[in-house]
Amino acid sequence: MNLWWPTFGVPLLGIAGTIVGQIRSGRPKIVRIGTLCATVVSAISPSMGLYGLVKLDELAKRSQLDYGFEGLAWLFAVLGVIAAIFCLLVIRKGCKLFDWIPLAVSVWMFVVWAAVCSTL
């Protein structure tokens, strides 16, 4: 069963669409730079998920209680949530759909990695 696509692929497609929307928007450059930074931080966690799928053999060799990789991905998801909320609070006026996508992706990845880390 291929659950990697809805878990990691769809968020990365949303992030790609957000980057394109930000670049094409006619907003002030400082607003675009802040939102792009939040978007890039939000993209780290699903990218780590795809990297983990590629390196699954190496990750499987760890002990059963070693959740270092998953914990790091969870921390990046938390950082993405903080960056996206900060960006939304700074922009406040004139928020568009692609300002909310990094927050949605980060919250989704936060839930995914929290579920993975809680399977002790």
PDB file of N, CA and C in Angstrom:
ATOM      1  N   MET A   1       0.835  -1.171   0.000  1.00  0.00           N
ATOM      2  CA  MET A   1       0.000   0.000   0.000  1.00  0.00           C
ATOM      3  C   MET A   1       0.890   1.249   0.000  1.00  0.00           C
ATOM      4  N   ASN A   2       0.655   2.150  -0.924  1.00  0.00           N
ATOM      5  CA  ASN A   2       1.483   3.341  -1.059  1.00  0.00           C
ATOM      6  C   ASN A   2       0.867   4.519  -0.332  1.00  0.00           C
ATOM      7  N   LEU A   3       1.158   4.627   0.947  1.00  0.00           N
ATOM      8  CA  LEU A   3       0.662   5.749   1.723  1.00  0.00           C
ATOM      9  C   LEU A   3       1.622   6.926   1.721  1.00  0.00           C
ATOM     10  N   TRP A   4       2.767   6.786   1.067  1.00  0.00           N
ATOM     11  CA  TRP A   4       3.722   7.872   1.071  1.00  0.00           C
ATOM     12  C   TRP A   4       3.238   9.057   0.248  1.00  0.00           C
ATOM     13  N   TRP A   5       2.438   8.807  -0.803  1.00  0.00           N
ATOM     14  CA  TRP A   5       2.002   9.898  -1.662  1.00  0.00           C
ATOM     15  C   TRP A   5       1.113  10.900  -0.923  1.00  0.00           C
ATOM     16  N   PRO A   6       0.015  10.463  -0.252  1.00  0.00           N
ATOM     17  CA  PRO A   6      -0.773  11.463   0.470  1.00  0.00           C
ATOM     18  C   PRO A   6      -0.050  12.019   1.699  1.00  0.00           C
ATOM     19  N   THR A   7       0.875  11.258   2.242  1.00  0.00           N
ATOM     20  CA  THR A   7       1.552  11.706   3.450  1.00  0.00           C
ATOM     21  C   THR A   7       2.638  12.729   3.159  1.00  0.00           C
ATOM     22  N   PHE A   8       3.462  12.499   2.137  1.00  0.00           N
ATOM     23  CA  PHE A   8       4.586  13.383   1.865  1.00  0.00           C
ATOM     24  C   PHE A   8       4.507  14.079   0.505  1.00  0.00           C
ATOM     25  N   GLY A   9       3.913  13.439  -0.487  1.00  0.00           N
ATOM     26  CA  GLY A   9       3.888  14.009  -1.836  1.00  0.00           C
ATOM     27  C   GLY A   9       2.927  15.169  -1.991  1.00  0.00           C
ATOM     28  N   VAL A  10       1.720  15.033  -1.471  1.00  0.00           N
ATOM     29  CA  VAL A  10       0.728  16.107  -1.587  1.00  0.00           C
ATOM     30  C   VAL A  10       1.187  17.369  -0.857  1.00  0.00           C
ATOM     31  N   PRO A  11       1.741  17.271   0.368  1.00  0.00           N
ATOM     32  CA  PRO A  11       2.254  18.500   0.983  1.00  0.00           C
ATOM     33  C   PRO A  11       3.356  19.172   0.170  1.00  0.00           C
ATOM     34  N   LEU A  12       4.220  18.381  -0.445  1.00  0.00           N
ATOM     35  CA  LEU A  12       5.277  18.987  -1.257  1.00  0.00           C
ATOM     36  C   LEU A  12       4.710  19.643  -2.510  1.00  0.00           C
ATOM     37  N   LEU A  13       3.657  19.077  -3.089  1.00  0.00           N
ATOM     38  CA  LEU A  13       3.003  19.745  -4.226  1.00  0.00           C
ATOM     39  C   LEU A  13       2.351  21.051  -3.786  1.00  0.00           C
ATOM     40  N   GLY A  14       1.758  21.055  -2.609  1.00  0.00           N
ATOM     41  CA  GLY A  14       1.188  22.291  -2.078  1.00  0.00           C
ATOM     42  C   GLY A  14       2.250  23.352  -1.846  1.00  0.00           C
ATOM     43  N   ILE A  15       3.393  22.937  -1.340  1.00  0.00           N
ATOM     44  CA  ILE A  15       4.500  23.872  -1.121  1.00  0.00           C
ATOM     45  C   ILE A  15       5.007  24.417  -2.452  1.00  0.00           C
ATOM     46  N   ALA A  16       5.111  23.548  -3.462  1.00  0.00           N
ATOM     47  CA  ALA A  16       5.552  24.009  -4.788  1.00  0.00           C
ATOM     48  C   ALA A  16       4.567  25.029  -5.358  1.00  0.00           C
ATOM     49  N   GLY A  17       3.282  24.763  -5.216  1.00  0.00           N
ATOM     50  CA  GLY A  17       2.279  25.725  -5.677  1.00  0.00           C
ATOM     51  C   GLY A  17       2.350  27.038  -4.916  1.00  0.00           C
ATOM     52  N   THR A  18       2.644  26.960  -3.633  1.00  0.00           N
ATOM     53  CA  THR A  18       2.789  28.167  -2.823  1.00  0.00           C
ATOM     54  C   THR A  18       3.971  28.999  -3.285  1.00  0.00           C
ATOM     55  N   ILE A  19       5.075  28.345  -3.588  1.00  0.00           N
ATOM     56  CA  ILE A  19       6.257  29.073  -4.058  1.00  0.00           C
ATOM     57  C   ILE A  19       5.966  29.766  -5.375  1.00  0.00           C
ATOM     58  N   VAL A  20       5.303  29.066  -6.289  1.00  0.00           N
ATOM     59  CA  VAL A  20       4.942  29.688  -7.573  1.00  0.00           C
ATOM     60  C   VAL A  20       3.988  30.854  -7.348  1.00  0.00           C
ATOM     61  N   GLY A  21       3.001  30.689  -6.480  1.00  0.00           N
ATOM     62  CA  GLY A  21       2.056  31.766  -6.187  1.00  0.00           C
ATOM     63  C   GLY A  21       2.727  32.968  -5.556  1.00  0.00           C
ATOM     64  N   GLN A  22       3.685  32.724  -4.689  1.00  0.00           N
ATOM     65  CA  GLN A  22       4.402  33.831  -4.048  1.00  0.00           C
ATOM     66  C   GLN A  22       5.259  34.595  -5.048  1.00  0.00           C
ATOM     67  N   ILE A  23       5.914  33.866  -5.927  1.00  0.00           N
ATOM     68  CA  ILE A  23       6.787  34.528  -6.897  1.00  0.00           C
ATOM     69  C   ILE A  23       5.968  35.364  -7.868  1.00  0.00           C
ATOM     70  N   ARG A  24       4.792  34.876  -8.258  1.00  0.00           N
ATOM     71  CA  ARG A  24       3.958  35.581  -9.230  1.00  0.00           C
ATOM     72  C   ARG A  24       3.074  36.673  -8.608  1.00  0.00           C
ATOM     73  N   SER A  25       3.005  36.738  -7.288  1.00  0.00           N
ATOM     74  CA  SER A  25       2.121  37.733  -6.670  1.00  0.00           C
ATOM     75  C   SER A  25       2.723  39.130  -6.792  1.00  0.00           C
ATOM     76  N   GLY A  26       1.853  40.106  -6.795  1.00  0.00           N
ATOM     77  CA  GLY A  26       2.306  41.487  -6.900  1.00  0.00           C
ATOM     78  C   GLY A  26       2.441  42.142  -5.540  1.00  0.00           C
ATOM     79  N   ARG A  27       2.899  41.407  -4.555  1.00  0.00           N
ATOM     80  CA  ARG A  27       3.023  41.928  -3.202  1.00  0.00           C
ATOM     81  C   ARG A  27       4.385  42.560  -2.992  1.00  0.00           C
ATOM     82  N   PRO A  28       4.510  43.372  -1.941  1.00  0.00           N
ATOM     83  CA  PRO A  28       5.830  43.943  -1.647  1.00  0.00           C
ATOM     84  C   PRO A  28       6.865  42.850  -1.414  1.00  0.00           C
ATOM     85  N   LYS A  29       8.089  43.142  -1.784  1.00  0.00           N
ATOM     86  CA  LYS A  29       9.142  42.132  -1.734  1.00  0.00           C
ATOM     87  C   LYS A  29       9.395  41.624  -0.313  1.00  0.00           C
ATOM     88  N   ILE A  30       9.297  42.482   0.678  1.00  0.00           N
ATOM     89  CA  ILE A  30       9.570  42.049   2.048  1.00  0.00           C
ATOM     90  C   ILE A  30       8.532  41.035   2.522  1.00  0.00           C
ATOM     91  N   VAL A  31       7.284  41.190   2.106  1.00  0.00           N
ATOM     92  CA  VAL A  31       6.235  40.227   2.473  1.00  0.00           C
ATOM     93  C   VAL A  31       6.494  38.899   1.777  1.00  0.00           C
ATOM     94  N   ARG A  32       6.877  38.954   0.501  1.00  0.00           N
ATOM     95  CA  ARG A  32       7.152  37.716  -0.233  1.00  0.00           C
ATOM     96  C   ARG A  32       8.335  36.972   0.362  1.00  0.00           C
ATOM     97  N   ILE A  33       9.374  37.682   0.772  1.00  0.00           N
ATOM     98  CA  ILE A  33      10.554  37.026   1.333  1.00  0.00           C
ATOM     99  C   ILE A  33      10.199  36.317   2.637  1.00  0.00           C
ATOM    100  N   GLY A  34       9.422  36.969   3.501  1.00  0.00           N
ATOM    101  CA  GLY A  34       9.017  36.339   4.761  1.00  0.00           C
ATOM    102  C   GLY A  34       8.171  35.102   4.538  1.00  0.00           C
ATOM    103  N   THR A  35       7.234  35.197   3.605  1.00  0.00           N
ATOM    104  CA  THR A  35       6.372  34.045   3.335  1.00  0.00           C
ATOM    105  C   THR A  35       7.155  32.925   2.667  1.00  0.00           C
ATOM    106  N   LEU A  36       8.086  33.254   1.803  1.00  0.00           N
ATOM    107  CA  LEU A  36       8.914  32.223   1.174  1.00  0.00           C
ATOM    108  C   LEU A  36       9.794  31.520   2.206  1.00  0.00           C
ATOM    109  N   CYS A  37      10.299  32.262   3.188  1.00  0.00           N
ATOM    110  CA  CYS A  37      11.094  31.626   4.247  1.00  0.00           C
ATOM    111  C   CYS A  37      10.242  30.643   5.043  1.00  0.00           C
ATOM    112  N   ALA A  38       9.025  31.055   5.392  1.00  0.00           N
ATOM    113  CA  ALA A  38       8.128  30.144   6.114  1.00  0.00           C
ATOM    114  C   ALA A  38       7.783  28.929   5.255  1.00  0.00           C
ATOM    115  N   THR A  39       7.646  29.142   3.958  1.00  0.00           N
ATOM    116  CA  THR A  39       7.323  28.043   3.043  1.00  0.00           C
ATOM    117  C   THR A  39       8.476  27.055   2.952  1.00  0.00           C
ATOM    118  N   VAL A  40       9.688  27.559   2.857  1.00  0.00           N
ATOM    119  CA  VAL A  40      10.858  26.676   2.761  1.00  0.00           C
ATOM    120  C   VAL A  40      11.025  25.880   4.060  1.00  0.00           C
ATOM    121  N   VAL A  41      10.838  26.530   5.203  1.00  0.00           N
ATOM    122  CA  VAL A  41      10.935  25.809   6.478  1.00  0.00           C
ATOM    123  C   VAL A  41       9.850  24.734   6.563  1.00  0.00           C
ATOM    124  N   SER A  42       8.670  25.035   6.052  1.00  0.00           N
ATOM    125  CA  SER A  42       7.583  24.054   6.067  1.00  0.00           C
ATOM    126  C   SER A  42       7.855  22.882   5.132  1.00  0.00           C
ATOM    127  N   ALA A  43       8.682  23.088   4.120  1.00  0.00           N
ATOM    128  CA  ALA A  43       8.977  22.018   3.160  1.00  0.00           C
ATOM    129  C   ALA A  43      10.022  21.034   3.669  1.00  0.00           C
ATOM    130  N   ILE A  44      10.735  21.377   4.715  1.00  0.00           N
ATOM    131  CA  ILE A  44      11.807  20.503   5.198  1.00  0.00           C
ATOM    132  C   ILE A  44      11.253  19.182   5.732  1.00  0.00           C
ATOM    133  N   SER A  45      10.175  19.236   6.491  1.00  0.00           N
ATOM    134  CA  SER A  45       9.649  18.026   7.131  1.00  0.00           C
ATOM    135  C   SER A  45       9.134  16.985   6.129  1.00  0.00           C
ATOM    136  N   PRO A  46       8.304  17.350   5.125  1.00  0.00           N
ATOM    137  CA  PRO A  46       7.927  16.315   4.155  1.00  0.00           C
ATOM    138  C   PRO A  46       9.102  15.850   3.302  1.00  0.00           C
ATOM    139  N   SER A  47      10.082  16.727   3.089  1.00  0.00           N
ATOM    140  CA  SER A  47      11.281  16.307   2.357  1.00  0.00           C
ATOM    141  C   SER A  47      12.060  15.271   3.149  1.00  0.00           C
ATOM    142  N   MET A  48      12.095  15.445   4.461  1.00  0.00           N
ATOM    143  CA  MET A  48      12.752  14.442   5.304  1.00  0.00           C
ATOM    144  C   MET A  48      12.006  13.116   5.253  1.00  0.00           C
ATOM    145  N   GLY A  49      10.675  13.177   5.116  1.00  0.00           N
ATOM    146  CA  GLY A  49       9.902  11.948   4.982  1.00  0.00           C
ATOM    147  C   GLY A  49      10.254  11.183   3.726  1.00  0.00           C
ATOM    148  N   LEU A  50      10.387  11.896   2.613  1.00  0.00           N
ATOM    149  CA  LEU A  50      10.787  11.232   1.367  1.00  0.00           C
ATOM    150  C   LEU A  50      12.213  10.711   1.461  1.00  0.00           C
ATOM    151  N   TYR A  51      13.102  11.471   2.108  1.00  0.00           N
ATOM    152  CA  TYR A  51      14.471  11.011   2.311  1.00  0.00           C
ATOM    153  C   TYR A  51      14.482   9.738   3.167  1.00  0.00           C
ATOM    154  N   GLY A  52      13.631   9.708   4.185  1.00  0.00           N
ATOM    155  CA  GLY A  52      13.535   8.519   5.026  1.00  0.00           C
ATOM    156  C   GLY A  52      13.053   7.304   4.258  1.00  0.00           C
ATOM    157  N   LEU A  53      12.157   7.522   3.294  1.00  0.00           N
ATOM    158  CA  LEU A  53      11.710   6.404   2.464  1.00  0.00           C
ATOM    159  C   LEU A  53      12.831   5.886   1.575  1.00  0.00           C
ATOM    160  N   VAL A  54      13.666   6.790   1.078  1.00  0.00           N
ATOM    161  CA  VAL A  54      14.786   6.378   0.232  1.00  0.00           C
ATOM    162  C   VAL A  54      15.816   5.607   1.060  1.00  0.00           C
ATOM    163  N   LYS A  55      16.063   6.069   2.276  1.00  0.00           N
ATOM    164  CA  LYS A  55      17.062   5.446   3.145  1.00  0.00           C
ATOM    165  C   LYS A  55      16.427   4.483   4.158  1.00  0.00           C
ATOM    166  N   LEU A  56      15.330   3.869   3.787  1.00  0.00           N
ATOM    167  CA  LEU A  56      14.584   3.015   4.710  1.00  0.00           C
ATOM    168  C   LEU A  56      15.418   1.835   5.214  1.00  0.00           C
ATOM    169  N   ASP A  57      16.272   1.288   4.367  1.00  0.00           N
ATOM    170  CA  ASP A  57      17.106   0.158   4.790  1.00  0.00           C
ATOM    171  C   ASP A  57      18.049   0.558   5.920  1.00  0.00           C
ATOM    172  N   GLU A  58      18.641   1.752   5.804  1.00  0.00           N
ATOM    173  CA  GLU A  58      19.551   2.210   6.851  1.00  0.00           C
ATOM    174  C   GLU A  58      18.794   2.555   8.131  1.00  0.00           C
ATOM    175  N   LEU A  59      17.627   3.139   7.986  1.00  0.00           N
ATOM    176  CA  LEU A  59      16.844   3.494   9.172  1.00  0.00           C
ATOM    177  C   LEU A  59      16.298   2.250   9.879  1.00  0.00           C
ATOM    178  N   ALA A  60      16.095   1.184   9.122  1.00  0.00           N
ATOM    179  CA  ALA A  60      15.580  -0.052   9.726  1.00  0.00           C
ATOM    180  C   ALA A  60      16.633  -0.745  10.589  1.00  0.00           C
ATOM    181  N   LYS A  61      17.902  -0.435  10.393  1.00  0.00           N
ATOM    182  CA  LYS A  61      18.980  -1.070  11.156  1.00  0.00           C
ATOM    183  C   LYS A  61      19.130  -0.475  12.560  1.00  0.00           C
ATOM    184  N   ARG A  62      18.443   0.605  12.849  1.00  0.00           N
ATOM    185  CA  ARG A  62      18.546   1.229  14.161  1.00  0.00           C
ATOM    186  C   ARG A  62      17.831   0.378  15.203  1.00  0.00           C
ATOM    187  N   SER A  63      18.096   0.687  16.473  1.00  0.00           N
ATOM    188  CA  SER A  63      17.377  -0.035  17.525  1.00  0.00           C
ATOM    189  C   SER A  63      15.911   0.379  17.513  1.00  0.00           C
ATOM    190  N   GLN A  64      15.088  -0.409  18.158  1.00  0.00           N
ATOM    191  CA  GLN A  64      13.644  -0.159  18.129  1.00  0.00           C
ATOM    192  C   GLN A  64      13.255   1.134  18.829  1.00  0.00           C
ATOM    193  N   LEU A  65      14.053   1.590  19.750  1.00  0.00           N
ATOM    194  CA  LEU A  65      13.715   2.794  20.506  1.00  0.00           C
ATOM    195  C   LEU A  65      14.460   4.034  20.010  1.00  0.00           C
ATOM    196  N   ASP A  66      15.146   3.940  18.899  1.00  0.00           N
ATOM    197  CA  ASP A  66      15.879   5.077  18.353  1.00  0.00           C
ATOM    198  C   ASP A  66      14.965   5.858  17.403  1.00  0.00           C
ATOM    199  N   TYR A  67      14.420   6.943  17.894  1.00  0.00           N
ATOM    200  CA  TYR A  67      13.543   7.779  17.092  1.00  0.00           C
ATOM    201  C   TYR A  67      14.215   9.121  16.791  1.00  0.00           C
ATOM    202  N   GLY A  68      15.525   9.118  16.607  1.00  0.00           N
ATOM    203  CA  GLY A  68      16.266  10.354  16.365  1.00  0.00           C
ATOM    204  C   GLY A  68      15.864  11.036  15.062  1.00  0.00           C
ATOM    205  N   PHE A  69      15.763  10.275  13.983  1.00  0.00           N
ATOM    206  CA  PHE A  69      15.392  10.841  12.686  1.00  0.00           C
ATOM    207  C   PHE A  69      13.969  11.367  12.723  1.00  0.00           C
ATOM    208  N   GLU A  70      13.067  10.582  13.269  1.00  0.00           N
ATOM    209  CA  GLU A  70      11.667  10.992  13.349  1.00  0.00           C
ATOM    210  C   GLU A  70      11.490  12.195  14.269  1.00  0.00           C
ATOM    211  N   GLY A  71      12.237  12.220  15.355  1.00  0.00           N
ATOM    212  CA  GLY A  71      12.176  13.353  16.277  1.00  0.00           C
ATOM    213  C   GLY A  71      12.685  14.629  15.636  1.00  0.00           C
ATOM    214  N   LEU A  72      13.750  14.513  14.838  1.00  0.00           N
ATOM    215  CA  LEU A  72      14.270  15.685  14.127  1.00  0.00           C
ATOM    216  C   LEU A  72      13.259  16.192  13.104  1.00  0.00           C
ATOM    217  N   ALA A  73      12.624  15.282  12.389  1.00  0.00           N
ATOM    218  CA  ALA A  73      11.595  15.691  11.424  1.00  0.00           C
ATOM    219  C   ALA A  73      10.419  16.348  12.138  1.00  0.00           C
ATOM    220  N   TRP A  74      10.057  15.826  13.325  1.00  0.00           N
ATOM    221  CA  TRP A  74       8.990  16.438  14.118  1.00  0.00           C
ATOM    222  C   TRP A  74       9.374  17.843  14.562  1.00  0.00           C
ATOM    223  N   LEU A  75      10.636  18.034  14.960  1.00  0.00           N
ATOM    224  CA  LEU A  75      11.090  19.370  15.360  1.00  0.00           C
ATOM    225  C   LEU A  75      11.046  20.347  14.190  1.00  0.00           C
ATOM    226  N   PHE A  76      11.388  19.882  12.996  1.00  0.00           N
ATOM    227  CA  PHE A  76      11.273  20.750  11.820  1.00  0.00           C
ATOM    228  C   PHE A  76       9.811  21.087  11.529  1.00  0.00           C
ATOM    229  N   ALA A  77       8.910  20.156  11.791  1.00  0.00           N
ATOM    230  CA  ALA A  77       7.484  20.447  11.623  1.00  0.00           C
ATOM    231  C   ALA A  77       7.028  21.500  12.625  1.00  0.00           C
ATOM    232  N   VAL A  78       7.501  21.402  13.861  1.00  0.00           N
ATOM    233  CA  VAL A  78       7.181  22.413  14.878  1.00  0.00           C
ATOM    234  C   VAL A  78       7.730  23.772  14.464  1.00  0.00           C
ATOM    235  N   LEU A  79       8.965  23.784  13.975  1.00  0.00           N
ATOM    236  CA  LEU A  79       9.569  25.030  13.499  1.00  0.00           C
ATOM    237  C   LEU A  79       8.774  25.606  12.330  1.00  0.00           C
ATOM    238  N   GLY A  80       8.280  24.738  11.450  1.00  0.00           N
ATOM    239  CA  GLY A  80       7.452  25.197  10.331  1.00  0.00           C
ATOM    240  C   GLY A  80       6.143  25.800  10.794  1.00  0.00           C
ATOM    241  N   VAL A  81       5.524  25.199  11.818  1.00  0.00           N
ATOM    242  CA  VAL A  81       4.283  25.759  12.374  1.00  0.00           C
ATOM    243  C   VAL A  81       4.556  27.136  12.964  1.00  0.00           C
ATOM    244  N   ILE A  82       5.636  27.267  13.720  1.00  0.00           N
ATOM    245  CA  ILE A  82       5.979  28.557  14.329  1.00  0.00           C
ATOM    246  C   ILE A  82       6.266  29.605  13.261  1.00  0.00           C
ATOM    247  N   ALA A  83       7.026  29.236  12.237  1.00  0.00           N
ATOM    248  CA  ALA A  83       7.352  30.189  11.169  1.00  0.00           C
ATOM    249  C   ALA A  83       6.104  30.602  10.401  1.00  0.00           C
ATOM    250  N   ALA A  84       5.224  29.663  10.127  1.00  0.00           N
ATOM    251  CA  ALA A  84       4.007  29.991   9.373  1.00  0.00           C
ATOM    252  C   ALA A  84       3.068  30.870  10.188  1.00  0.00           C
ATOM    253  N   ILE A  85       2.923  30.578  11.475  1.00  0.00           N
ATOM    254  CA  ILE A  85       2.071  31.417  12.325  1.00  0.00           C
ATOM    255  C   ILE A  85       2.661  32.818  12.455  1.00  0.00           C
ATOM    256  N   PHE A  86       3.966  32.898  12.635  1.00  0.00           N
ATOM    257  CA  PHE A  86       4.621  34.206  12.716  1.00  0.00           C
ATOM    258  C   PHE A  86       4.408  34.998  11.432  1.00  0.00           C
ATOM    259  N   CYS A  87       4.539  34.334  10.307  1.00  0.00           N
ATOM    260  CA  CYS A  87       4.343  35.001   9.019  1.00  0.00           C
ATOM    261  C   CYS A  87       2.903  35.487   8.873  1.00  0.00           C
ATOM    262  N   LEU A  88       1.942  34.670   9.264  1.00  0.00           N
ATOM    263  CA  LEU A  88       0.537  35.081   9.185  1.00  0.00           C
ATOM    264  C   LEU A  88       0.234  36.242  10.122  1.00  0.00           C
ATOM    265  N   LEU A  89       0.839  36.242  11.299  1.00  0.00           N
ATOM    266  CA  LEU A  89       0.609  37.333  12.240  1.00  0.00           C
ATOM    267  C   LEU A  89       1.238  38.635  11.754  1.00  0.00           C
ATOM    268  N   VAL A  90       2.375  38.534  11.089  1.00  0.00           N
ATOM    269  CA  VAL A  90       3.028  39.735  10.575  1.00  0.00           C
ATOM    270  C   VAL A  90       2.266  40.289   9.378  1.00  0.00           C
ATOM    271  N   ILE A  91       1.812  39.416   8.486  1.00  0.00           N
ATOM    272  CA  ILE A  91       1.117  39.869   7.280  1.00  0.00           C
ATOM    273  C   ILE A  91      -0.276  40.379   7.626  1.00  0.00           C
ATOM    274  N   ARG A  92      -1.018  39.608   8.404  1.00  0.00           N
ATOM    275  CA  ARG A  92      -2.399  39.866   8.826  1.00  0.00           C
ATOM    276  C   ARG A  92      -3.286  40.408   7.720  1.00  0.00           C
ATOM    277  N   LYS A  93      -2.981  41.557   7.205  1.00  0.00           N
ATOM    278  CA  LYS A  93      -3.846  42.192   6.202  1.00  0.00           C
ATOM    279  C   LYS A  93      -3.516  41.624   4.821  1.00  0.00           C
ATOM    280  N   GLY A  94      -4.523  41.205   4.122  1.00  0.00           N
ATOM    281  CA  GLY A  94      -4.341  40.731   2.758  1.00  0.00           C
ATOM    282  C   GLY A  94      -3.801  39.329   2.646  1.00  0.00           C
ATOM    283  N   CYS A  95      -4.088  38.469   3.620  1.00  0.00           N
ATOM    284  CA  CYS A  95      -3.633  37.084   3.537  1.00  0.00           C
ATOM    285  C   CYS A  95      -4.337  36.384   2.378  1.00  0.00           C
ATOM    286  N   LYS A  96      -3.584  35.650   1.635  1.00  0.00           N
ATOM    287  CA  LYS A  96      -4.131  34.892   0.520  1.00  0.00           C
ATOM    288  C   LYS A  96      -4.041  33.409   0.842  1.00  0.00           C
ATOM    289  N   LEU A  97      -4.604  32.591  -0.038  1.00  0.00           N
ATOM    290  CA  LEU A  97      -4.626  31.151   0.192  1.00  0.00           C
ATOM    291  C   LEU A  97      -3.223  30.589   0.360  1.00  0.00           C
ATOM    292  N   PHE A  98      -2.287  31.052  -0.464  1.00  0.00           N
ATOM    293  CA  PHE A  98      -0.949  30.478  -0.379  1.00  0.00           C
ATOM    294  C   PHE A  98      -0.178  30.977   0.839  1.00  0.00           C
ATOM    295  N   ASP A  99      -0.757  31.833   1.652  1.00  0.00           N
ATOM    296  CA  ASP A  99      -0.167  32.161   2.949  1.00  0.00           C
ATOM    297  C   ASP A  99      -0.563  31.131   4.012  1.00  0.00           C
ATOM    298  N   TRP A 100      -1.670  30.433   3.794  1.00  0.00           N
ATOM    299  CA  TRP A 100      -2.162  29.438   4.745  1.00  0.00           C
ATOM    300  C   TRP A 100      -1.636  28.029   4.452  1.00  0.00           C
ATOM    301  N   ILE A 101      -1.198  27.781   3.243  1.00  0.00           N
ATOM    302  CA  ILE A 101      -0.742  26.430   2.872  1.00  0.00           C
ATOM    303  C   ILE A 101       0.481  25.983   3.686  1.00  0.00           C
ATOM    304  N   PRO A 102       1.498  26.840   3.908  1.00  0.00           N
ATOM    305  CA  PRO A 102       2.617  26.368   4.750  1.00  0.00           C
ATOM    306  C   PRO A 102       2.184  25.980   6.156  1.00  0.00           C
ATOM    307  N   LEU A 103       1.216  26.691   6.714  1.00  0.00           N
ATOM    308  CA  LEU A 103       0.721  26.325   8.038  1.00  0.00           C
ATOM    309  C   LEU A 103       0.003  24.980   7.988  1.00  0.00           C
ATOM    310  N   ALA A 104      -0.818  24.771   6.978  1.00  0.00           N
ATOM    311  CA  ALA A 104      -1.537  23.500   6.850  1.00  0.00           C
ATOM    312  C   ALA A 104      -0.562  22.337   6.671  1.00  0.00           C
ATOM    313  N   VAL A 105       0.456  22.529   5.838  1.00  0.00           N
ATOM    314  CA  VAL A 105       1.456  21.470   5.611  1.00  0.00           C
ATOM    315  C   VAL A 105       2.208  21.172   6.901  1.00  0.00           C
ATOM    316  N   SER A 106       2.608  22.216   7.619  1.00  0.00           N
ATOM    317  CA  SER A 106       3.369  22.006   8.849  1.00  0.00           C
ATOM    318  C   SER A 106       2.535  21.323   9.921  1.00  0.00           C
ATOM    319  N   VAL A 107       1.265  21.689  10.037  1.00  0.00           N
ATOM    320  CA  VAL A 107       0.402  21.033  11.015  1.00  0.00           C
ATOM    321  C   VAL A 107       0.196  19.561  10.640  1.00  0.00           C
ATOM    322  N   TRP A 108       0.005  19.299   9.348  1.00  0.00           N
ATOM    323  CA  TRP A 108      -0.157  17.917   8.900  1.00  0.00           C
ATOM    324  C   TRP A 108       1.089  17.092   9.221  1.00  0.00           C
ATOM    325  N   MET A 109       2.264  17.645   8.914  1.00  0.00           N
ATOM    326  CA  MET A 109       3.493  16.903   9.177  1.00  0.00           C
ATOM    327  C   MET A 109       3.746  16.774  10.674  1.00  0.00           C
ATOM    328  N   PHE A 110       3.337  17.763  11.454  1.00  0.00           N
ATOM    329  CA  PHE A 110       3.432  17.666  12.908  1.00  0.00           C
ATOM    330  C   PHE A 110       2.626  16.473  13.408  1.00  0.00           C
ATOM    331  N   VAL A 111       1.420  16.317  12.904  1.00  0.00           N
ATOM    332  CA  VAL A 111       0.563  15.202  13.303  1.00  0.00           C
ATOM    333  C   VAL A 111       1.166  13.866  12.852  1.00  0.00           C
ATOM    334  N   VAL A 112       1.663  13.812  11.620  1.00  0.00           N
ATOM    335  CA  VAL A 112       2.249  12.568  11.098  1.00  0.00           C
ATOM    336  C   VAL A 112       3.458  12.150  11.928  1.00  0.00           C
ATOM    337  N   TRP A 113       4.388  13.089  12.151  1.00  0.00           N
ATOM    338  CA  TRP A 113       5.601  12.723  12.888  1.00  0.00           C
ATOM    339  C   TRP A 113       5.311  12.467  14.357  1.00  0.00           C
ATOM    340  N   ALA A 114       4.329  13.160  14.931  1.00  0.00           N
ATOM    341  CA  ALA A 114       3.952  12.873  16.319  1.00  0.00           C
ATOM    342  C   ALA A 114       3.374  11.466  16.429  1.00  0.00           C
ATOM    343  N   ALA A 115       2.598  11.066  15.426  1.00  0.00           N
ATOM    344  CA  ALA A 115       2.038   9.707  15.422  1.00  0.00           C
ATOM    345  C   ALA A 115       3.149   8.667  15.287  1.00  0.00           C
ATOM    346  N   VAL A 116       4.124   8.946  14.457  1.00  0.00           N
ATOM    347  CA  VAL A 116       5.242   8.016  14.286  1.00  0.00           C
ATOM    348  C   VAL A 116       6.062   7.923  15.567  1.00  0.00           C
ATOM    349  N   CYS A 117       6.331   9.062  16.197  1.00  0.00           N
ATOM    350  CA  CYS A 117       7.147   9.066  17.413  1.00  0.00           C
ATOM    351  C   CYS A 117       6.411   8.494  18.619  1.00  0.00           C
ATOM    352  N   SER A 118       5.096   8.471  18.579  1.00  0.00           N
ATOM    353  CA  SER A 118       4.346   7.993  19.734  1.00  0.00           C
ATOM    354  C   SER A 118       4.101   6.487  19.702  1.00  0.00           C
ATOM    355  N   THR A 119       4.696   5.797  18.763  1.00  0.00           N
ATOM    356  CA  THR A 119       4.476   4.348  18.655  1.00  0.00           C
ATOM    357  C   THR A 119       5.516   3.571  19.448  1.00  0.00           C
ATOM    358  N   LEU A 120       5.900   4.079  20.583  1.00  0.00           N
ATOM    359  CA  LEU A 120       6.907   3.388  21.408  1.00  0.00           C
ATOM    360  C   LEU A 120       6.373   2.097  21.921  1.00  0.00           C
TER     361      LEU A 120
END
